[in-house]
Protein backbone atom coordinates (compact mmCIF):
# COMPACT_ATOMS: atom_id res chain seq x y z
CA ILE A 1 100.84 119.55 100.07
CA GLU A 2 97.45 119.52 98.11
CA SER A 3 98.73 122.14 96.07
CA LEU A 4 102.13 120.57 95.35
CA LYS A 5 100.16 117.22 94.57
CA ASN A 6 97.93 119.12 92.06
CA LYS A 7 100.83 120.58 90.21
CA LEU A 8 102.63 117.19 90.02
CA ARG A 9 99.32 115.74 88.55
CA SER A 10 98.78 118.41 86.06
CA GLY A 11 102.54 118.64 84.77
CA VAL A 12 106.02 119.42 86.17
CA ALA A 13 106.40 120.71 89.56
CA HIS A 14 109.28 122.81 90.83
CA PHE A 15 109.86 122.32 94.69
CA ILE A 16 112.40 122.16 97.43
CA PHE A 17 112.52 119.74 100.39
CA ILE A 18 114.90 118.43 103.20
CA LYS A 19 116.12 115.10 102.44
CA LYS A 20 116.13 112.36 105.27
CA LYS A 21 119.82 112.98 106.11
CA GLY A 22 119.21 116.91 106.18
CA GLU A 23 120.47 117.73 102.46
CA VAL A 24 118.27 120.36 101.01
CA ARG A 25 116.95 118.92 97.43
CA GLU A 26 115.43 121.22 94.61
CA ALA A 27 113.50 118.93 92.39
CA TYR A 28 111.58 118.94 89.12
CA GLY A 29 109.11 116.23 89.22
CA THR A 30 105.58 114.92 88.04
CA THR A 31 103.02 112.24 88.68
CA ASN A 32 101.37 113.05 85.15
CA ALA A 33 100.77 109.70 83.39
CA SER A 34 101.57 110.96 79.96
CA VAL A 35 105.09 112.08 81.21
CA ALA A 36 105.87 109.17 83.39
CA ALA A 37 103.95 106.29 81.98
CA LYS A 38 106.88 104.43 80.47
CA TYR A 39 108.76 104.34 83.71
CA THR A 40 105.46 102.98 85.73
CA ASN A 41 105.27 99.29 86.19
CA GLY A 42 102.28 98.50 88.42
CA ASN A 43 100.38 100.51 90.77
CA GLY A 44 102.31 99.95 93.90
CA CYS A 45 101.02 100.71 97.45
CA SER A 46 99.65 104.16 98.00
CA ARG A 47 102.17 106.23 99.96
CA GLU A 48 99.66 108.57 101.60
CA CYS A 49 99.42 106.29 104.82
CA PHE A 50 103.05 107.03 105.10
CA LYS A 51 102.64 110.72 104.68
CA THR A 52 104.78 110.66 101.69
CA THR A 53 104.38 111.36 97.96
CA ALA A 54 106.13 109.63 95.06
CA TYR A 55 106.99 111.56 92.19
CA PHE A 56 108.98 111.07 88.72
CA ASP A 57 112.03 113.10 89.04
CA ILE A 58 112.50 114.64 85.51
CA GLU A 59 116.28 115.23 85.98
CA LYS A 60 117.14 111.99 87.27
CA GLY A 61 114.70 110.03 85.31
CA GLU A 62 113.68 107.88 88.48
CA TRP A 63 110.88 107.48 90.73
CA ARG A 64 111.66 109.26 94.17
CA SER A 65 109.58 110.48 97.07
CA PHE A 66 109.39 112.97 99.84
CA ARG A 67 107.97 113.35 103.31
CA TRP A 68 105.29 116.00 103.61
CA GLU A 69 106.65 117.73 106.57
CA SER A 70 110.05 118.13 104.53
CA ILE A 71 108.69 120.51 102.07
CA VAL A 72 110.20 123.87 102.28
CA LYS A 73 109.06 125.61 99.10
CA VAL A 74 106.86 125.15 96.13
CA PHE A 75 107.40 127.29 93.05
């Protein structure tokens, strides 16, 4: 998880996770402020206490999140 979070902070990360309903999702996302800044409106609540990470989905152009235990692979 820490490796993925570092990749999200430093640029665009490519990863696969299992969605809540069991679907496998391949994602390209970032938390890098220079990429996602114009889509951010406030600080929000930290998702760490829910064992999830929010990321900006490059393909969908929206914020998404994943549960840590759902990660299948990080490229």
